[in-house]
Every structure is written in structure tokens, then in C-alpha cells.
Amino acid sequence: MKTYILDGYNVIYGVARLERELDRSLQAAREALVRECVAICAARGDIGKIYVVFDGSDECSFYGPAQTGGVVTVFTHSREEADERIVSLLRECPRGHAVCVVSADNYVQNHARAFGVSYLKPQDFFALLTRQGTAPKTIRTGTEKAGLSNHQESNITAEYRRHLGL
């Protein structure tokens, strides 16, 4: 079973139909994202959990994570960004656990690469709805960037892991 960790607002702003929900309210956009994630969990049998991480405030985080249909909604504390919480979740995942981070943010993607997990851009994640039972072809592992050799990529990732103490 695979675990997905979504950078909530990054996903909302990266998918047009979710971004349109912002015209109604930020809450409506968050709820639409969670509904879509619940639908993905229901449609596929290979997803263990989807964490949707939002920048929040201490008032939101007081309630703790909320879980609905395999989807865990997490709000950060006032002084914590969603990116930092995503990195914390990556640290907590057991080595070798099937994890995929969903974000277009370079900071988040670089950390996913350093932790050895795959990542998807938000638009690619929603392609999962139409690919039941198969792994998305667009999962990135960091090795497909043009201009760097595999050796250079490995050196950069190893140096970044040392920097993170991994």
C-alpha cells in the first residue's frame, strides 16, 4: 500500500478545478481537494493513506489531524510551514515504505528525492483517478532532469543527504 503526502495549497493552486473553488472560499477549495482524495482512495485498492498538509494556525492545529476515508487532513502550527511538516512526515516514514509526495515546490521535491521517495506534480496526481491499479507513468524520482548525468545526480543527492543528516 502506498502513502501519498500532498502539499495542500500547492495542489489547490496547481489544479484549475480546485483553484476555481477559491472563488467561493478557501474552505470550499480545501473541502474539494479532500473530496477528490477520498474518491481516489475509494477507486483504487493500492493506496493506504493520503495526507493533505495545509499551512494553518494554532487554532486549526488544536483539533489535530482529521481522517475521512483514508485521507488525513493536517494543519500546521502558526510558526510551521506545510513544507516543514511534509519533511517531518518523510522523516517518520519507515525506510523502504512506499511514499509519494505531491507538490510542485522545489524545496519539497528536493527533500522527497533526498529521502528516496517519489514525487508527482499536482496535475499528475489526479491522473490516478483514471489509472486504477497501475502506477502513474509520470512519477518522478529526480533522475529524469536533462543536463545532469546519473553520476552528477547521485553526487548531489548524496551531498544533500549528508546535509540533512540522513
Protein backbone atom coordinates (compact mmCIF):
# COMPACT_ATOMS: atom_id res chain seq x y z
CA MET A 1 0.00 0.00 0.00
CA LYS A 2 1.31 3.41 -0.96
CA THR A 3 1.14 6.58 1.12
CA TYR A 4 0.75 9.96 -0.54
CA ILE A 5 1.67 13.25 1.12
CA LEU A 6 0.11 16.31 -0.53
CA ASP A 7 1.24 19.91 -0.18
CA GLY A 8 -2.36 21.11 0.19
CA TYR A 9 -2.34 24.71 -1.01
CA ASN A 10 0.28 23.93 -3.65
CA VAL A 11 -2.10 21.30 -5.04
CA ILE A 12 -5.11 23.64 -4.90
CA TYR A 13 -3.25 26.34 -6.84
CA GLY A 14 -1.82 23.75 -9.24
CA VAL A 15 -5.11 22.21 -10.38
CA ALA A 16 -7.53 24.55 -12.19
CA ARG A 17 -10.78 22.96 -10.97
CA LEU A 18 -9.62 23.22 -7.36
CA GLU A 19 -8.34 26.76 -7.82
CA ARG A 20 -11.77 27.79 -9.15
CA GLU A 21 -13.22 26.73 -5.78
CA LEU A 22 -11.28 29.63 -4.25
CA ASP A 23 -13.90 31.94 -5.80
CA ARG A 24 -16.32 30.51 -3.25
CA SER A 25 -13.90 30.30 -0.32
CA LEU A 26 -10.62 28.84 0.87
CA GLN A 27 -12.61 26.31 2.92
CA ALA A 28 -14.52 25.24 -0.21
CA ALA A 29 -11.22 24.65 -2.04
CA ARG A 30 -9.83 22.59 0.86
CA GLU A 31 -13.02 20.52 1.04
CA ALA A 32 -12.97 19.93 -2.73
CA LEU A 33 -9.38 18.66 -2.51
CA VAL A 34 -10.22 16.31 0.35
CA ARG A 35 -13.32 15.02 -1.52
CA GLU A 36 -11.18 14.27 -4.59
CA CYS A 37 -8.63 12.44 -2.43
CA VAL A 38 -11.36 10.36 -0.79
CA ALA A 39 -12.62 9.46 -4.29
CA ILE A 40 -9.10 8.38 -5.30
CA CYS A 41 -8.82 6.15 -2.20
CA ALA A 42 -12.22 4.63 -2.90
CA ALA A 43 -11.44 3.99 -6.57
CA ARG A 44 -8.07 2.35 -6.00
CA GLY A 45 -7.07 -0.50 -3.76
CA ASP A 46 -3.37 0.30 -3.64
CA ILE A 47 -3.47 3.47 -1.52
CA GLY A 48 -3.03 3.15 2.22
CA LYS A 49 -3.35 6.79 3.23
CA ILE A 50 -3.29 10.25 1.74
CA TYR A 51 -2.02 13.04 3.98
CA VAL A 52 -3.11 16.53 2.92
CA VAL A 53 -0.96 19.12 4.70
CA PHE A 54 -2.09 22.75 4.92
CA ASP A 55 -0.39 25.79 6.38
CA GLY A 56 -2.51 26.59 9.39
CA SER A 57 -2.66 28.37 12.67
CA ASP A 58 -2.53 27.17 16.23
CA GLU A 59 -6.34 27.35 16.30
CA CYS A 60 -6.61 24.86 13.39
CA SER A 61 -3.92 22.52 14.70
CA PHE A 62 -5.64 22.34 18.09
CA TYR A 63 -8.13 19.90 16.61
CA GLY A 64 -5.40 17.58 15.39
CA PRO A 65 -5.46 15.64 12.16
CA ALA A 66 -8.89 14.75 10.81
CA GLN A 67 -9.35 11.46 8.96
CA THR A 68 -12.01 10.72 6.36
CA GLY A 69 -12.00 7.71 4.02
CA GLY A 70 -8.25 7.11 4.13
CA VAL A 71 -7.45 10.83 3.90
CA VAL A 72 -5.77 12.58 6.82
CA THR A 73 -6.05 16.38 6.84
CA VAL A 74 -3.23 18.08 8.74
CA PHE A 75 -2.97 21.78 9.65
CA THR A 76 0.41 23.09 10.77
CA HIS A 77 1.01 25.30 13.78
CA SER A 78 1.30 29.08 13.28
CA ARG A 79 5.09 29.09 13.10
CA GLU A 80 5.39 25.95 10.99
CA GLU A 81 5.02 25.79 7.23
CA ALA A 82 3.40 22.89 5.40
CA ASP A 83 6.75 22.20 3.70
CA GLU A 84 8.38 21.62 7.10
CA ARG A 85 5.58 19.31 8.22
CA ILE A 86 5.90 17.32 4.99
CA VAL A 87 9.62 16.85 5.67
CA SER A 88 8.74 15.74 9.22
CA LEU A 89 6.30 13.18 7.82
CA LEU A 90 9.03 11.92 5.49
CA ARG A 91 11.39 11.53 8.46
CA GLU A 92 8.74 9.50 10.32
CA CYS A 93 8.14 7.08 7.42
CA PRO A 94 9.98 3.79 7.78
CA ARG A 95 12.75 3.26 5.23
CA GLY A 96 11.53 1.35 2.23
CA HIS A 97 7.89 2.35 2.81
CA ALA A 98 6.15 3.24 -0.48
CA VAL A 99 5.65 7.01 -0.28
CA CYS A 100 4.95 9.65 -2.92
CA VAL A 101 4.96 13.39 -2.30
CA VAL A 102 2.63 15.59 -4.38
CA SER A 103 3.89 19.13 -4.85
CA ALA A 104 5.36 21.42 -7.48
CA ASP A 105 7.50 23.11 -4.82
CA ASN A 106 11.26 22.60 -5.38
CA TYR A 107 12.01 22.50 -1.64
CA VAL A 108 9.51 19.68 -1.14
CA GLN A 109 10.65 17.80 -4.25
CA ASN A 110 14.32 18.06 -3.24
CA HIS A 111 13.53 16.62 0.17
CA ALA A 112 11.48 13.82 -1.38
CA ARG A 113 14.47 12.98 -3.57
CA ALA A 114 16.83 13.10 -0.57
CA PHE A 115 14.59 10.72 1.37
CA GLY A 116 14.46 8.41 -1.64
CA VAL A 117 10.73 8.76 -2.25
CA SER A 118 8.95 9.56 -5.50
CA TYR A 119 7.09 12.75 -6.22
CA LEU A 120 4.38 13.95 -8.55
CA LYS A 121 3.25 17.35 -9.70
CA PRO A 122 -0.34 18.12 -8.62
CA GLN A 123 -1.87 17.71 -12.10
CA ASP A 124 -0.23 14.30 -12.49
CA PHE A 125 -1.60 13.09 -9.16
CA PHE A 126 -5.18 13.48 -10.33
CA ALA A 127 -4.44 11.27 -13.33
CA LEU A 128 -4.56 8.45 -10.74
CA LEU A 129 -8.35 8.53 -10.96
CA THR A 130 -8.23 7.17 -14.50
CA ARG A 131 -5.38 4.70 -13.95
CA GLN A 132 -6.87 2.29 -11.44
CA GLY A 133 -4.49 -0.38 -10.27
CA THR A 134 -1.46 0.89 -12.17
CA ALA A 135 1.34 3.15 -11.11
CA PRO A 136 1.28 6.57 -12.76
CA LYS A 137 3.81 6.86 -15.56
CA THR A 138 4.65 10.42 -14.54
CA ILE A 139 6.09 9.69 -11.10
CA ARG A 140 9.36 11.47 -10.82
CA THR A 141 12.33 10.15 -8.95
CA GLY A 142 14.64 13.01 -9.79
CA THR A 143 16.65 11.13 -12.40
CA GLU A 144 14.85 12.47 -15.46
CA LYS A 145 16.18 16.04 -15.36
CA ALA A 146 18.01 16.93 -18.54
CA GLY A 147 21.53 18.23 -18.31
CA LEU A 148 22.86 16.15 -15.41
CA SER A 149 24.42 12.75 -15.67
CA ASN A 150 23.34 9.96 -13.33
CA HIS A 151 26.71 10.30 -11.58
CA GLN A 152 26.19 14.05 -11.03
CA GLU A 153 22.65 13.47 -9.76
CA SER A 154 23.88 10.80 -7.35
CA ASN A 155 26.62 13.10 -6.02
CA ILE A 156 24.18 15.99 -5.49
CA THR A 157 21.66 13.74 -3.72
CA ALA A 158 24.37 12.17 -1.54
CA GLU A 159 25.66 15.63 -0.57
CA TYR A 160 22.13 16.80 0.25
CA ARG A 161 21.50 13.70 2.37
CA ARG A 162 24.69 14.42 4.32
CA HIS A 163 23.50 17.99 4.79
CA LEU A 164 20.17 16.68 6.19
CA GLY A 165 21.96 14.11 8.38
CA LEU A 166 20.36 11.13 6.62
